[in-house]
Amino acid sequence: MRRRDFVVAGLGGLTAASFPFAWRKGFAAGQRKKRVLYFTRSAGFEHSVVRRQGDELAHSEKILVELGEKGGFEVICTKDGRVFDEDLGKFDAIVFYTSGDLTKPDKLGTPPMSEAGKKRLLDAIAAGKGFIGFHAATDSFHSRGDQIDPYIAMIGGEFITHGRQQEAALRNTSPKFPGMAKIGPSLRLLEEWYALKNFAPDLHVIFVQETEGMVDDCYQRPPFPATWARMHGKGRVYYTSLGHREDIWTNPVIQDIFLGAFAWVLGQIDADIPPNIQEVTPLAHQLRR
């Protein structure tokens, strides 16, 4: 993909007040600005937060640009799948808010990812590149029977379905993870919640989806992971089911959580992420109560 096909943003500087002291050590003066690729192609349902009007950036793209200005990283936005056939070495992390089989055509006519490009993405992450998946990123590629798709194995979980938007609780199971210290034991939000399956056994669960009191059949199951971190080879991988609603993206509390994820994925700060899925969600694989 040609340079002009990108939307480049996030060129602002970092101020000392942008982060708690422990985070600032990763953004030293004169340090090379990290570069993040934000990929928002929708071969399936296109969410409103990634839908563009003409040449204007989508809602979540604008927010990530602003977060990049606060966090000292540069955000490059695209829906063109050919980017994965080019040099991925210029990016420090790759971020997905995508849906459907990205190697297939979409309704907008955006170029798909090639099968070789998909493999190059997974190889790049395994070699040490960071990855963040928002919301529908677990609805990109699907497993067939017992054959877990390599992308699903990388991201750590797979979308099943969702019910109506409703208020529900997320339990904080990793208060020491960047961005989580001020959350408290739980966080209650109005959101479209994803029901997920095929969890990787090495997940470090950060938020647990509390299902007690939720309506709709897909949530009538034991609590399960909703946000997590894991290593894929040498690459740091973070996923959160949050991100459907526009007000989620503008919520300052959620923005701090997202900034913490970027700080970790970009290697600006380290975190201890031992697998805890069996401890905090022992029945996560059980899809019915």
C-alpha atoms as a PDB file:
ATOM      1  CA  MET A   1       0.000   0.000   0.000  1.00  0.00           C
ATOM      2  CA  ARG A   2       1.285   3.456  -0.899  1.00  0.00           C
ATOM      3  CA  ARG A   3       2.118   6.004   1.760  1.00  0.00           C
ATOM      4  CA  ARG A   4      -0.730   8.267   0.652  1.00  0.00           C
ATOM      5  CA  ASP A   5      -3.233   5.514   1.438  1.00  0.00           C
ATOM      6  CA  PHE A   6      -2.503   5.960   5.143  1.00  0.00           C
ATOM      7  CA  VAL A   7      -4.016   8.441   7.512  1.00  0.00           C
ATOM      8  CA  VAL A   8      -1.140   9.507   9.752  1.00  0.00           C
ATOM      9  CA  ALA A   9      -1.784  11.137  13.116  1.00  0.00           C
ATOM     10  CA  GLY A  10      -0.775  11.278  16.746  1.00  0.00           C
ATOM     11  CA  LEU A  11       2.193  13.618  16.334  1.00  0.00           C
ATOM     12  CA  GLY A  12       1.706  15.584  19.542  1.00  0.00           C
ATOM     13  CA  GLY A  13       4.182  15.560  22.416  1.00  0.00           C
ATOM     14  CA  LEU A  14       3.889  13.997  25.829  1.00  0.00           C
ATOM     15  CA  THR A  15       3.494  16.122  28.920  1.00  0.00           C
ATOM     16  CA  ALA A  16       4.707  15.079  32.341  1.00  0.00           C
ATOM     17  CA  ALA A  17       1.145  15.144  33.651  1.00  0.00           C
ATOM     18  CA  SER A  18      -0.109  12.628  31.096  1.00  0.00           C
ATOM     19  CA  PHE A  19       0.692   9.569  33.186  1.00  0.00           C
ATOM     20  CA  PRO A  20       1.356   8.527  36.740  1.00  0.00           C
ATOM     21  CA  PHE A  21       5.050   8.719  37.598  1.00  0.00           C
ATOM     22  CA  ALA A  22       5.659   4.994  37.168  1.00  0.00           C
ATOM     23  CA  TRP A  23       4.623   5.209  33.528  1.00  0.00           C
ATOM     24  CA  ARG A  24       6.696   8.211  32.547  1.00  0.00           C
ATOM     25  CA  LYS A  25       9.983   6.376  32.595  1.00  0.00           C
ATOM     26  CA  GLY A  26       8.998   4.723  29.305  1.00  0.00           C
ATOM     27  CA  PHE A  27       8.586   8.062  27.502  1.00  0.00           C
ATOM     28  CA  ALA A  28      11.975   9.659  28.077  1.00  0.00           C
ATOM     29  CA  ALA A  29      12.865  12.876  26.266  1.00  0.00           C
ATOM     30  CA  GLY A  30      14.405  12.203  22.876  1.00  0.00           C
ATOM     31  CA  GLN A  31      13.122   8.633  22.694  1.00  0.00           C
ATOM     32  CA  ARG A  32      11.969   7.525  19.249  1.00  0.00           C
ATOM     33  CA  LYS A  33       8.224   7.872  18.913  1.00  0.00           C
ATOM     34  CA  LYS A  34       6.528   4.477  18.698  1.00  0.00           C
ATOM     35  CA  ARG A  35       4.368   3.779  15.640  1.00  0.00           C
ATOM     36  CA  VAL A  36       0.999   2.011  15.842  1.00  0.00           C
ATOM     37  CA  LEU A  37      -1.008   0.650  12.905  1.00  0.00           C
ATOM     38  CA  TYR A  38      -4.768   0.851  13.534  1.00  0.00           C
ATOM     39  CA  PHE A  39      -6.561  -1.534  11.147  1.00  0.00           C
ATOM     40  CA  THR A  40     -10.363  -1.200  10.958  1.00  0.00           C
ATOM     41  CA  ARG A  41     -11.469  -3.254   7.948  1.00  0.00           C
ATOM     42  CA  SER A  42     -14.917  -4.849   8.340  1.00  0.00           C
ATOM     43  CA  ALA A  43     -15.599  -7.864   6.143  1.00  0.00           C
ATOM     44  CA  GLY A  44     -18.533  -8.546   8.466  1.00  0.00           C
ATOM     45  CA  PHE A  45     -20.629  -6.037  10.404  1.00  0.00           C
ATOM     46  CA  GLU A  46     -19.109  -2.555  10.422  1.00  0.00           C
ATOM     47  CA  HIS A  47     -19.449  -0.943  13.842  1.00  0.00           C
ATOM     48  CA  SER A  48     -20.311   2.724  14.067  1.00  0.00           C
ATOM     49  CA  VAL A  49     -17.081   3.573  15.904  1.00  0.00           C
ATOM     50  CA  VAL A  50     -14.990   2.485  12.884  1.00  0.00           C
ATOM     51  CA  ARG A  51     -17.351   3.776  10.179  1.00  0.00           C
ATOM     52  CA  ARG A  52     -15.965   6.726   8.242  1.00  0.00           C
ATOM     53  CA  GLN A  53     -17.940   9.495   6.605  1.00  0.00           C
ATOM     54  CA  GLY A  54     -16.055  10.256   3.425  1.00  0.00           C
ATOM     55  CA  ASP A  55     -12.416  11.002   4.186  1.00  0.00           C
ATOM     56  CA  GLU A  56     -13.094  11.874   7.823  1.00  0.00           C
ATOM     57  CA  LEU A  57     -11.614   9.604  10.448  1.00  0.00           C
ATOM     58  CA  ALA A  58     -14.016   7.333  12.308  1.00  0.00           C
ATOM     59  CA  HIS A  59     -14.884   7.977  15.954  1.00  0.00           C
ATOM     60  CA  SER A  60     -12.442   5.458  17.446  1.00  0.00           C
ATOM     61  CA  GLU A  61      -9.702   6.530  15.037  1.00  0.00           C
ATOM     62  CA  LYS A  62      -9.984  10.101  16.284  1.00  0.00           C
ATOM     63  CA  ILE A  63      -9.817   8.901  19.889  1.00  0.00           C
ATOM     64  CA  LEU A  64      -6.717   6.806  19.249  1.00  0.00           C
ATOM     65  CA  VAL A  65      -5.088   9.798  17.585  1.00  0.00           C
ATOM     66  CA  GLU A  66      -5.746  11.793  20.767  1.00  0.00           C
ATOM     67  CA  LEU A  67      -4.457   8.972  22.954  1.00  0.00           C
ATOM     68  CA  GLY A  68      -1.362   8.821  20.790  1.00  0.00           C
ATOM     69  CA  GLU A  69      -0.759  12.492  21.481  1.00  0.00           C
ATOM     70  CA  LYS A  70      -1.009  11.823  25.212  1.00  0.00           C
ATOM     71  CA  GLY A  71       0.975   8.605  25.109  1.00  0.00           C
ATOM     72  CA  GLY A  72       3.781   9.693  22.821  1.00  0.00           C
ATOM     73  CA  PHE A  73       3.029   7.303  19.951  1.00  0.00           C
ATOM     74  CA  GLU A  74       2.057   7.868  16.321  1.00  0.00           C
ATOM     75  CA  VAL A  75      -1.158   6.306  15.009  1.00  0.00           C
ATOM     76  CA  ILE A  76      -1.529   5.255  11.378  1.00  0.00           C
ATOM     77  CA  CYS A  77      -5.084   4.305  10.371  1.00  0.00           C
ATOM     78  CA  THR A  78      -6.100   2.168   7.418  1.00  0.00           C
ATOM     79  CA  LYS A  79      -8.749  -0.221   6.121  1.00  0.00           C
ATOM     80  CA  ASP A  80      -6.505  -1.511   3.323  1.00  0.00           C
ATOM     81  CA  GLY A  81      -5.521  -5.143   3.881  1.00  0.00           C
ATOM     82  CA  ARG A  82      -2.572  -4.868   1.504  1.00  0.00           C
ATOM     83  CA  VAL A  83      -0.606  -3.208   4.300  1.00  0.00           C
ATOM     84  CA  PHE A  84       0.226  -6.695   5.607  1.00  0.00           C
ATOM     85  CA  ASP A  85       2.048  -7.525   2.385  1.00  0.00           C
ATOM     86  CA  GLU A  86       4.393  -4.588   2.974  1.00  0.00           C
ATOM     87  CA  ASP A  87       7.045  -3.850   5.578  1.00  0.00           C
ATOM     88  CA  LEU A  88       5.562  -4.405   9.044  1.00  0.00           C
ATOM     89  CA  GLY A  89       8.887  -3.614  10.651  1.00  0.00           C
ATOM     90  CA  LYS A  90       8.041   0.099  10.673  1.00  0.00           C
ATOM     91  CA  PHE A  91       5.291  -0.527  13.225  1.00  0.00           C
ATOM     92  CA  ASP A  92       5.858  -1.225  16.911  1.00  0.00           C
ATOM     93  CA  ALA A  93       2.314  -2.473  17.464  1.00  0.00           C
ATOM     94  CA  ILE A  94      -0.712  -3.442  15.399  1.00  0.00           C
ATOM     95  CA  VAL A  95      -4.244  -2.721  16.595  1.00  0.00           C
ATOM     96  CA  PHE A  96      -7.378  -4.412  15.237  1.00  0.00           C
ATOM     97  CA  TYR A  97     -11.003  -3.307  15.364  1.00  0.00           C
ATOM     98  CA  THR A  98     -12.115  -5.627  12.608  1.00  0.00           C
ATOM     99  CA  SER A  99     -14.810  -8.168  11.807  1.00  0.00           C
ATOM    100  CA  GLY A 100     -15.340 -11.098   9.490  1.00  0.00           C
ATOM    101  CA  ASP A 101     -12.840 -13.036   7.398  1.00  0.00           C
ATOM    102  CA  LEU A 102     -10.438 -10.264   6.463  1.00  0.00           C
ATOM    103  CA  THR A 103      -9.181 -12.207   3.446  1.00  0.00           C
ATOM    104  CA  LYS A 104     -12.652 -11.932   1.853  1.00  0.00           C
ATOM    105  CA  PRO A 105     -14.276  -8.986   0.004  1.00  0.00           C
ATOM    106  CA  ASP A 106     -16.307  -6.446   1.941  1.00  0.00           C
ATOM    107  CA  LYS A 107     -19.259  -4.238   1.015  1.00  0.00           C
ATOM    108  CA  LEU A 108     -17.096  -1.107   0.846  1.00  0.00           C
ATOM    109  CA  GLY A 109     -14.646  -2.535  -1.646  1.00  0.00           C
ATOM    110  CA  THR A 110     -11.592  -2.105   0.577  1.00  0.00           C
ATOM    111  CA  PRO A 111      -8.705  -4.384  -0.426  1.00  0.00           C
ATOM    112  CA  PRO A 112      -8.625  -7.616   1.603  1.00  0.00           C
ATOM    113  CA  MET A 113      -5.744  -9.084   3.539  1.00  0.00           C
ATOM    114  CA  SER A 114      -4.019 -11.860   1.601  1.00  0.00           C
ATOM    115  CA  GLU A 115      -3.478 -15.278   3.173  1.00  0.00           C
ATOM    116  CA  ALA A 116       0.236 -14.529   3.045  1.00  0.00           C
ATOM    117  CA  GLY A 117      -0.438 -11.184   4.748  1.00  0.00           C
ATOM    118  CA  LYS A 118      -2.311 -12.940   7.557  1.00  0.00           C
ATOM    119  CA  LYS A 119       0.662 -15.238   8.111  1.00  0.00           C
ATOM    120  CA  ARG A 120       3.051 -12.273   8.049  1.00  0.00           C
ATOM    121  CA  LEU A 121       0.939 -10.566  10.721  1.00  0.00           C
ATOM    122  CA  LEU A 122       1.032 -13.599  13.014  1.00  0.00           C
ATOM    123  CA  ASP A 123       4.748 -14.148  12.397  1.00  0.00           C
ATOM    124  CA  ALA A 124       5.476 -10.485  13.178  1.00  0.00           C
ATOM    125  CA  ILE A 125       3.648 -10.705  16.508  1.00  0.00           C
ATOM    126  CA  ALA A 126       5.390 -13.963  17.406  1.00  0.00           C
ATOM    127  CA  ALA A 127       8.709 -12.249  16.645  1.00  0.00           C
ATOM    128  CA  GLY A 128       7.991  -9.466  19.144  1.00  0.00           C
ATOM    129  CA  LYS A 129       5.544  -6.943  17.715  1.00  0.00           C
ATOM    130  CA  GLY A 130       2.752  -5.783  20.051  1.00  0.00           C
ATOM    131  CA  PHE A 131      -0.934  -6.386  19.333  1.00  0.00           C
ATOM    132  CA  ILE A 132      -4.162  -4.917  20.716  1.00  0.00           C
ATOM    133  CA  GLY A 133      -7.629  -6.146  19.773  1.00  0.00           C
ATOM    134  CA  PHE A 134     -10.718  -4.087  20.500  1.00  0.00           C
ATOM    135  CA  HIS A 135     -14.254  -5.495  20.729  1.00  0.00           C
ATOM    136  CA  ALA A 136     -14.947  -7.146  17.345  1.00  0.00           C
ATOM    137  CA  ALA A 137     -11.327  -8.225  16.872  1.00  0.00           C
ATOM    138  CA  THR A 138     -12.366 -11.645  18.249  1.00  0.00           C
ATOM    139  CA  ASP A 139     -14.998 -11.793  15.474  1.00  0.00           C
ATOM    140  CA  SER A 140     -12.272 -11.713  12.814  1.00  0.00           C
ATOM    141  CA  PHE A 141     -11.684 -15.254  11.514  1.00  0.00           C
ATOM    142  CA  HIS A 142     -13.343 -18.229  13.142  1.00  0.00           C
ATOM    143  CA  SER A 143     -12.381 -21.747  14.101  1.00  0.00           C
ATOM    144  CA  ARG A 144     -13.837 -24.809  12.453  1.00  0.00           C
ATOM    145  CA  GLY A 145     -14.850 -27.503  14.864  1.00  0.00           C
ATOM    146  CA  ASP A 146     -11.824 -28.439  16.942  1.00  0.00           C
ATOM    147  CA  GLN A 147      -9.455 -26.619  14.558  1.00  0.00           C
ATOM    148  CA  ILE A 148      -8.642 -23.331  16.263  1.00  0.00           C
ATOM    149  CA  ASP A 149      -7.823 -20.641  13.721  1.00  0.00           C
ATOM    150  CA  PRO A 150      -4.210 -19.409  14.164  1.00  0.00           C
ATOM    151  CA  TYR A 151      -5.447 -15.831  14.568  1.00  0.00           C
ATOM    152  CA  ILE A 152      -7.823 -16.917  17.353  1.00  0.00           C
ATOM    153  CA  ALA A 153      -4.972 -18.808  19.012  1.00  0.00           C
ATOM    154  CA  MET A 154      -2.934 -15.592  18.899  1.00  0.00           C
ATOM    155  CA  ILE A 155      -5.587 -13.218  20.263  1.00  0.00           C
ATOM    156  CA  GLY A 156      -6.661 -15.722  22.912  1.00  0.00           C
ATOM    157  CA  GLY A 157     -10.441 -16.036  22.490  1.00  0.00           C
ATOM    158  CA  GLU A 158     -13.280 -16.179  19.972  1.00  0.00           C
ATOM    159  CA  PHE A 159     -16.590 -14.332  19.596  1.00  0.00           C
ATOM    160  CA  ILE A 160     -19.796 -16.374  19.783  1.00  0.00           C
ATOM    161  CA  THR A 161     -22.619 -13.833  19.879  1.00  0.00           C
ATOM    162  CA  HIS A 162     -23.984 -10.949  21.924  1.00  0.00           C
ATOM    163  CA  GLY A 163     -27.288  -9.934  23.454  1.00  0.00           C
ATOM    164  CA  ARG A 164     -28.875  -6.535  23.909  1.00  0.00           C
ATOM    165  CA  GLN A 165     -26.896  -3.631  25.305  1.00  0.00           C
ATOM    166  CA  GLN A 166     -27.210  -3.594  29.076  1.00  0.00           C
ATOM    167  CA  GLU A 167     -25.496  -2.469  32.234  1.00  0.00           C
ATOM    168  CA  ALA A 168     -23.203  -5.131  33.653  1.00  0.00           C
ATOM    169  CA  ALA A 169     -20.159  -5.488  35.882  1.00  0.00           C
ATOM    170  CA  LEU A 170     -16.550  -6.240  35.070  1.00  0.00           C
ATOM    171  CA  ARG A 171     -14.487  -7.628  37.950  1.00  0.00           C
ATOM    172  CA  ASN A 172     -10.939  -6.286  38.197  1.00  0.00           C
ATOM    173  CA  THR A 173      -8.647  -9.307  38.586  1.00  0.00           C
ATOM    174  CA  SER A 174      -5.359  -7.551  37.796  1.00  0.00           C
ATOM    175  CA  PRO A 175      -5.175  -4.240  39.695  1.00  0.00           C
ATOM    176  CA  LYS A 176      -1.396  -4.013  39.149  1.00  0.00           C
ATOM    177  CA  PHE A 177      -1.689  -4.099  35.356  1.00  0.00           C
ATOM    178  CA  PRO A 178      -1.015  -0.674  33.777  1.00  0.00           C
ATOM    179  CA  GLY A 179      -4.146   1.470  33.825  1.00  0.00           C
ATOM    180  CA  MET A 180      -6.024  -0.672  36.331  1.00  0.00           C
ATOM    181  CA  ALA A 181      -4.848   0.636  39.706  1.00  0.00           C
ATOM    182  CA  LYS A 182      -7.643   3.209  40.117  1.00  0.00           C
ATOM    183  CA  ILE A 183     -10.486   0.984  38.890  1.00  0.00           C
ATOM    184  CA  GLY A 184     -11.304  -0.645  42.218  1.00  0.00           C
ATOM    185  CA  PRO A 185     -12.729  -4.155  42.613  1.00  0.00           C
ATOM    186  CA  SER A 186     -15.198  -3.763  39.744  1.00  0.00           C
ATOM    187  CA  LEU A 187     -16.452  -1.462  37.029  1.00  0.00           C
ATOM    188  CA  ARG A 188     -20.077  -1.196  35.938  1.00  0.00           C
ATOM    189  CA  LEU A 189     -20.887   0.011  32.420  1.00  0.00           C
ATOM    190  CA  LEU A 190     -23.591   0.123  29.773  1.00  0.00           C
ATOM    191  CA  GLU A 191     -22.139  -1.710  26.784  1.00  0.00           C
ATOM    192  CA  GLU A 192     -22.711  -4.394  24.176  1.00  0.00           C
ATOM    193  CA  TRP A 193     -21.094  -7.397  25.830  1.00  0.00           C
ATOM    194  CA  TYR A 194     -19.536 -10.200  23.843  1.00  0.00           C
ATOM    195  CA  ALA A 195     -20.022 -13.857  24.724  1.00  0.00           C
ATOM    196  CA  LEU A 196     -16.685 -15.555  24.067  1.00  0.00           C
ATOM    197  CA  LYS A 197     -15.203 -19.050  23.859  1.00  0.00           C
ATOM    198  CA  ASN A 198     -11.993 -20.940  22.939  1.00  0.00           C
ATOM    199  CA  PHE A 199      -9.902 -19.147  25.533  1.00  0.00           C
ATOM    200  CA  ALA A 200      -6.153 -19.707  25.471  1.00  0.00           C
ATOM    201  CA  PRO A 201      -5.024 -21.549  28.625  1.00  0.00           C
ATOM    202  CA  ASP A 202      -2.319 -18.971  29.348  1.00  0.00           C
ATOM    203  CA  LEU A 203      -4.562 -15.895  29.585  1.00  0.00           C
ATOM    204  CA  HIS A 204      -3.782 -13.341  32.232  1.00  0.00           C
ATOM    205  CA  VAL A 205      -7.340 -12.172  32.844  1.00  0.00           C
ATOM    206  CA  ILE A 206      -7.657  -8.463  33.629  1.00  0.00           C
ATOM    207  CA  PHE A 207     -11.441  -8.059  33.589  1.00  0.00           C
ATOM    208  CA  VAL A 208     -13.955 -10.847  34.241  1.00  0.00           C
ATOM    209  CA  GLN A 209     -17.422 -10.576  32.749  1.00  0.00           C
ATOM    210  CA  GLU A 210     -19.816 -11.011  35.668  1.00  0.00           C
ATOM    211  CA  THR A 211     -22.898 -12.716  34.242  1.00  0.00           C
ATOM    212  CA  GLU A 212     -25.141 -12.807  37.308  1.00  0.00           C
ATOM    213  CA  GLY A 213     -28.217 -10.679  36.634  1.00  0.00           C
ATOM    214  CA  MET A 214     -27.540 -10.239  32.915  1.00  0.00           C
ATOM    215  CA  VAL A 215     -30.429 -10.823  30.532  1.00  0.00           C
ATOM    216  CA  ASP A 216     -30.394 -12.829  27.265  1.00  0.00           C
ATOM    217  CA  ASP A 217     -29.567 -16.521  26.923  1.00  0.00           C
ATOM    218  CA  CYS A 218     -25.960 -16.057  25.788  1.00  0.00           C
ATOM    219  CA  TYR A 219     -25.019 -14.691  29.220  1.00  0.00           C
ATOM    220  CA  GLN A 220     -26.604 -17.505  31.217  1.00  0.00           C
ATOM    221  CA  ARG A 221     -23.226 -19.035  31.941  1.00  0.00           C
ATOM    222  CA  PRO A 222     -20.480 -18.746  34.563  1.00  0.00           C
ATOM    223  CA  PRO A 223     -18.239 -15.660  34.539  1.00  0.00           C
ATOM    224  CA  PHE A 224     -15.654 -15.570  31.747  1.00  0.00           C
ATOM    225  CA  PRO A 225     -12.703 -13.426  30.615  1.00  0.00           C
ATOM    226  CA  ALA A 226     -13.568 -10.087  28.975  1.00  0.00           C
ATOM    227  CA  THR A 227     -10.148  -8.382  28.936  1.00  0.00           C
ATOM    228  CA  TRP A 228      -6.785 -10.104  29.067  1.00  0.00           C
ATOM    229  CA  ALA A 229      -3.090 -10.071  28.255  1.00  0.00           C
ATOM    230  CA  ARG A 230      -0.867 -12.884  27.021  1.00  0.00           C
ATOM    231  CA  MET A 231       2.384 -13.518  25.226  1.00  0.00           C
ATOM    232  CA  HIS A 232       2.344 -14.848  21.677  1.00  0.00           C
ATOM    233  CA  GLY A 233       5.924 -15.931  21.228  1.00  0.00           C
ATOM    234  CA  LYS A 234       7.848 -12.728  21.965  1.00  0.00           C
ATOM    235  CA  GLY A 235       4.869 -10.459  21.223  1.00  0.00           C
ATOM    236  CA  ARG A 236       2.696  -8.785  23.835  1.00  0.00           C
ATOM    237  CA  VAL A 237      -1.009  -9.319  23.097  1.00  0.00           C
ATOM    238  CA  TYR A 238      -3.916  -7.466  24.736  1.00  0.00           C
ATOM    239  CA  TYR A 239      -7.627  -7.860  24.051  1.00  0.00           C
ATOM    240  CA  THR A 240     -10.710  -6.182  25.486  1.00  0.00           C
ATOM    241  CA  SER A 241     -14.337  -6.749  24.552  1.00  0.00           C
ATOM    242  CA  LEU A 242     -15.004  -3.082  25.328  1.00  0.00           C
ATOM    243  CA  GLY A 243     -15.478  -0.605  22.512  1.00  0.00           C
ATOM    244  CA  HIS A 244     -18.905  -0.958  20.899  1.00  0.00           C
ATOM    245  CA  ARG A 245     -20.434   2.296  22.096  1.00  0.00           C
ATOM    246  CA  GLU A 246     -19.135   5.778  21.259  1.00  0.00           C
ATOM    247  CA  ASP A 247     -19.319   6.844  24.906  1.00  0.00           C
ATOM    248  CA  ILE A 248     -17.026   4.000  25.910  1.00  0.00           C
ATOM    249  CA  TRP A 249     -14.313   5.592  23.788  1.00  0.00           C
ATOM    250  CA  THR A 250     -14.805   9.047  25.325  1.00  0.00           C
ATOM    251  CA  ASN A 251     -14.998   7.778  28.926  1.00  0.00           C
ATOM    252  CA  PRO A 252     -11.856   9.044  30.754  1.00  0.00           C
ATOM    253  CA  VAL A 253     -11.712   5.926  32.925  1.00  0.00           C
ATOM    254  CA  ILE A 254     -11.717   3.680  29.863  1.00  0.00           C
ATOM    255  CA  GLN A 255      -9.168   5.885  28.115  1.00  0.00           C
ATOM    256  CA  ASP A 256      -6.802   5.403  31.061  1.00  0.00           C
ATOM    257  CA  ILE A 257      -7.296   1.639  30.751  1.00  0.00           C
ATOM    258  CA  PHE A 258      -6.530   1.804  27.033  1.00  0.00           C
ATOM    259  CA  LEU A 259      -3.438   3.950  27.626  1.00  0.00           C
ATOM    260  CA  GLY A 260      -2.221   1.364  30.106  1.00  0.00           C
ATOM    261  CA  ALA A 261      -2.646  -1.331  27.465  1.00  0.00           C
ATOM    262  CA  PHE A 262      -0.657   0.686  24.927  1.00  0.00           C
ATOM    263  CA  ALA A 263       2.101   1.377  27.466  1.00  0.00           C
ATOM    264  CA  TRP A 264       2.480  -2.353  28.073  1.00  0.00           C
ATOM    265  CA  VAL A 265       2.099  -3.541  24.471  1.00  0.00           C
ATOM    266  CA  LEU A 266       4.617  -0.969  23.250  1.00  0.00           C
ATOM    267  CA  GLY A 267       7.130  -2.072  25.870  1.00  0.00           C
ATOM    268  CA  GLN A 268       7.047   1.269  27.694  1.00  0.00           C
ATOM    269  CA  ILE A 269       6.320  -0.491  30.952  1.00  0.00           C
ATOM    270  CA  ASP A 270       6.535  -4.099  32.105  1.00  0.00           C
ATOM    271  CA  ALA A 271       3.869  -6.060  33.938  1.00  0.00           C
ATOM    272  CA  ASP A 272       3.687  -9.447  35.561  1.00  0.00           C
ATOM    273  CA  ILE A 273       1.107 -11.475  33.627  1.00  0.00           C
ATOM    274  CA  PRO A 274       1.012 -15.024  35.014  1.00  0.00           C
ATOM    275  CA  PRO A 275      -1.812 -17.192  33.644  1.00  0.00           C
ATOM    276  CA  ASN A 276      -4.771 -16.854  36.004  1.00  0.00           C
ATOM    277  CA  ILE A 277      -7.746 -18.005  33.931  1.00  0.00           C
ATOM    278  CA  GLN A 278      -8.201 -21.174  35.985  1.00  0.00           C
ATOM    279  CA  GLU A 279      -8.074 -19.206  39.209  1.00  0.00           C
ATOM    280  CA  VAL A 280     -10.421 -16.301  38.398  1.00  0.00           C
ATOM    281  CA  THR A 281     -12.750 -17.954  35.833  1.00  0.00           C
ATOM    282  CA  PRO A 282     -12.555 -21.710  36.505  1.00  0.00           C
ATOM    283  CA  LEU A 283     -15.741 -22.398  34.497  1.00  0.00           C
ATOM    284  CA  ALA A 284     -14.991 -20.064  31.592  1.00  0.00           C
ATOM    285  CA  HIS A 285     -15.324 -22.824  29.023  1.00  0.00           C
ATOM    286  CA  GLN A 286     -18.797 -23.772  30.292  1.00  0.00           C
ATOM    287  CA  LEU A 287     -21.295 -22.066  27.965  1.00  0.00           C
ATOM    288  CA  ARG A 288     -24.393 -22.789  30.065  1.00  0.00           C
ATOM    289  CA  ARG A 289     -25.079 -22.643  33.786  1.00  0.00           C
END
